[in-house]
Amino acid sequence: PMNKNIKFEEAIEKLDSIVSKLEAGSVALDESLTLFEEGVALIKLCNEKLDSAEQKVRILTEAEDGTVTDAPFVNNEA
């Protein structure tokens, strides 16, 4: 089972390793399927972590009277 407490960077490193093994074509079919399943789980986990991080990012804005408020981050590049 996937460790949900794994850091994003660790998950990316594991995913990179899996991709390298699969691209090399040097693993047996059964192992390839296992690696593929692990890779899919890692991608899902990374997406969840990114979504969570995006929700936490807030933009601080300062009003004319000097008060500071925060607003949700909006990615206009998407």
C-alpha atoms as a PDB file:
ATOM      1  CA  PRO A   1       0.000   0.000   0.000  1.00  0.00           C
ATOM      2  CA  MET A   2       1.077   3.565  -0.764  1.00  0.00           C
ATOM      3  CA  ASN A   3       2.516   5.573   2.127  1.00  0.00           C
ATOM      4  CA  LYS A   4       0.321   8.710   2.182  1.00  0.00           C
ATOM      5  CA  ASN A   5       2.889  10.495   4.389  1.00  0.00           C
ATOM      6  CA  ILE A   6       5.588  10.390   1.727  1.00  0.00           C
ATOM      7  CA  LYS A   7       6.936  13.820   0.783  1.00  0.00           C
ATOM      8  CA  PHE A   8       6.109  15.208  -2.648  1.00  0.00           C
ATOM      9  CA  GLU A   9       9.783  15.265  -3.648  1.00  0.00           C
ATOM     10  CA  GLU A  10      10.239  11.627  -2.616  1.00  0.00           C
ATOM     11  CA  ALA A  11       7.181  10.617  -4.625  1.00  0.00           C
ATOM     12  CA  ILE A  12       8.559  12.397  -7.705  1.00  0.00           C
ATOM     13  CA  GLU A  13      11.924  10.643  -7.283  1.00  0.00           C
ATOM     14  CA  LYS A  14      10.222   7.239  -6.997  1.00  0.00           C
ATOM     15  CA  LEU A  15       8.085   8.030 -10.033  1.00  0.00           C
ATOM     16  CA  ASP A  16      11.178   9.023 -12.017  1.00  0.00           C
ATOM     17  CA  SER A  17      12.852   5.747 -11.052  1.00  0.00           C
ATOM     18  CA  ILE A  18       9.798   3.754 -12.132  1.00  0.00           C
ATOM     19  CA  VAL A  19       9.639   5.547 -15.482  1.00  0.00           C
ATOM     20  CA  SER A  20      13.337   4.856 -16.080  1.00  0.00           C
ATOM     21  CA  LYS A  21      12.884   1.135 -15.365  1.00  0.00           C
ATOM     22  CA  LEU A  22       9.836   0.887 -17.606  1.00  0.00           C
ATOM     23  CA  GLU A  23      11.520   2.801 -20.438  1.00  0.00           C
ATOM     24  CA  ALA A  24      14.584   0.562 -20.228  1.00  0.00           C
ATOM     25  CA  GLY A  25      12.359  -2.433 -20.925  1.00  0.00           C
ATOM     26  CA  SER A  26      14.566  -4.663 -18.810  1.00  0.00           C
ATOM     27  CA  VAL A  27      11.929  -5.808 -16.323  1.00  0.00           C
ATOM     28  CA  ALA A  28       9.587  -8.750 -16.665  1.00  0.00           C
ATOM     29  CA  LEU A  29       5.931  -8.204 -17.574  1.00  0.00           C
ATOM     30  CA  ASP A  30       4.672  -8.936 -14.038  1.00  0.00           C
ATOM     31  CA  GLU A  31       7.138  -6.468 -12.545  1.00  0.00           C
ATOM     32  CA  SER A  32       6.252  -3.907 -15.221  1.00  0.00           C
ATOM     33  CA  LEU A  33       2.583  -4.134 -14.273  1.00  0.00           C
ATOM     34  CA  THR A  34       3.426  -3.746 -10.579  1.00  0.00           C
ATOM     35  CA  LEU A  35       5.642  -0.748 -11.328  1.00  0.00           C
ATOM     36  CA  PHE A  36       2.933   0.781 -13.517  1.00  0.00           C
ATOM     37  CA  GLU A  37       0.345   0.403 -10.736  1.00  0.00           C
ATOM     38  CA  GLU A  38       2.750   1.979  -8.234  1.00  0.00           C
ATOM     39  CA  GLY A  39       3.395   4.823 -10.674  1.00  0.00           C
ATOM     40  CA  VAL A  40      -0.316   5.513 -11.088  1.00  0.00           C
ATOM     41  CA  ALA A  41      -0.717   5.607  -7.287  1.00  0.00           C
ATOM     42  CA  LEU A  42       2.246   8.010  -7.012  1.00  0.00           C
ATOM     43  CA  ILE A  43       0.756  10.310  -9.653  1.00  0.00           C
ATOM     44  CA  LYS A  44      -2.556  10.357  -7.777  1.00  0.00           C
ATOM     45  CA  LEU A  45      -0.757  11.127  -4.521  1.00  0.00           C
ATOM     46  CA  CYS A  46       1.269  13.940  -6.127  1.00  0.00           C
ATOM     47  CA  ASN A  47      -1.892  15.466  -7.593  1.00  0.00           C
ATOM     48  CA  GLU A  48      -3.575  15.361  -4.175  1.00  0.00           C
ATOM     49  CA  LYS A  49      -0.557  17.051  -2.579  1.00  0.00           C
ATOM     50  CA  LEU A  50      -0.514  19.743  -5.277  1.00  0.00           C
ATOM     51  CA  ASP A  51      -4.246  20.377  -4.853  1.00  0.00           C
ATOM     52  CA  SER A  52      -3.791  20.665  -1.103  1.00  0.00           C
ATOM     53  CA  ALA A  53      -0.865  23.059  -1.493  1.00  0.00           C
ATOM     54  CA  GLU A  54      -2.789  25.215  -3.956  1.00  0.00           C
ATOM     55  CA  GLN A  55      -5.645  25.558  -1.467  1.00  0.00           C
ATOM     56  CA  LYS A  56      -3.182  26.781   1.166  1.00  0.00           C
ATOM     57  CA  VAL A  57      -1.585  29.422  -1.043  1.00  0.00           C
ATOM     58  CA  ARG A  58      -3.173  32.772  -0.370  1.00  0.00           C
ATOM     59  CA  ILE A  59      -2.447  36.249  -1.668  1.00  0.00           C
ATOM     60  CA  LEU A  60      -2.208  39.109   0.803  1.00  0.00           C
ATOM     61  CA  THR A  61      -3.691  42.386  -0.336  1.00  0.00           C
ATOM     62  CA  GLU A  62      -3.411  45.736   1.353  1.00  0.00           C
ATOM     63  CA  ALA A  63      -6.361  48.107   1.282  1.00  0.00           C
ATOM     64  CA  GLU A  64      -6.016  51.888   1.069  1.00  0.00           C
ATOM     65  CA  ASP A  65      -6.672  52.203   4.788  1.00  0.00           C
ATOM     66  CA  GLY A  66      -3.685  49.955   5.538  1.00  0.00           C
ATOM     67  CA  THR A  67      -5.615  46.829   6.513  1.00  0.00           C
ATOM     68  CA  VAL A  68      -4.306  43.585   5.103  1.00  0.00           C
ATOM     69  CA  THR A  69      -6.618  40.808   3.996  1.00  0.00           C
ATOM     70  CA  ASP A  70      -5.983  37.534   2.273  1.00  0.00           C
ATOM     71  CA  ALA A  71      -7.677  36.125  -0.776  1.00  0.00           C
ATOM     72  CA  PRO A  72      -7.574  32.710  -2.427  1.00  0.00           C
ATOM     73  CA  PHE A  73      -4.794  32.206  -4.925  1.00  0.00           C
ATOM     74  CA  VAL A  74      -6.060  32.307  -8.497  1.00  0.00           C
ATOM     75  CA  ASN A  75      -3.901  30.780 -11.198  1.00  0.00           C
ATOM     76  CA  ASN A  76      -4.607  32.839 -14.304  1.00  0.00           C
ATOM     77  CA  GLU A  77      -2.151  30.806 -16.401  1.00  0.00           C
ATOM     78  CA  ALA A  78      -4.198  27.612 -16.316  1.00  0.00           C
END
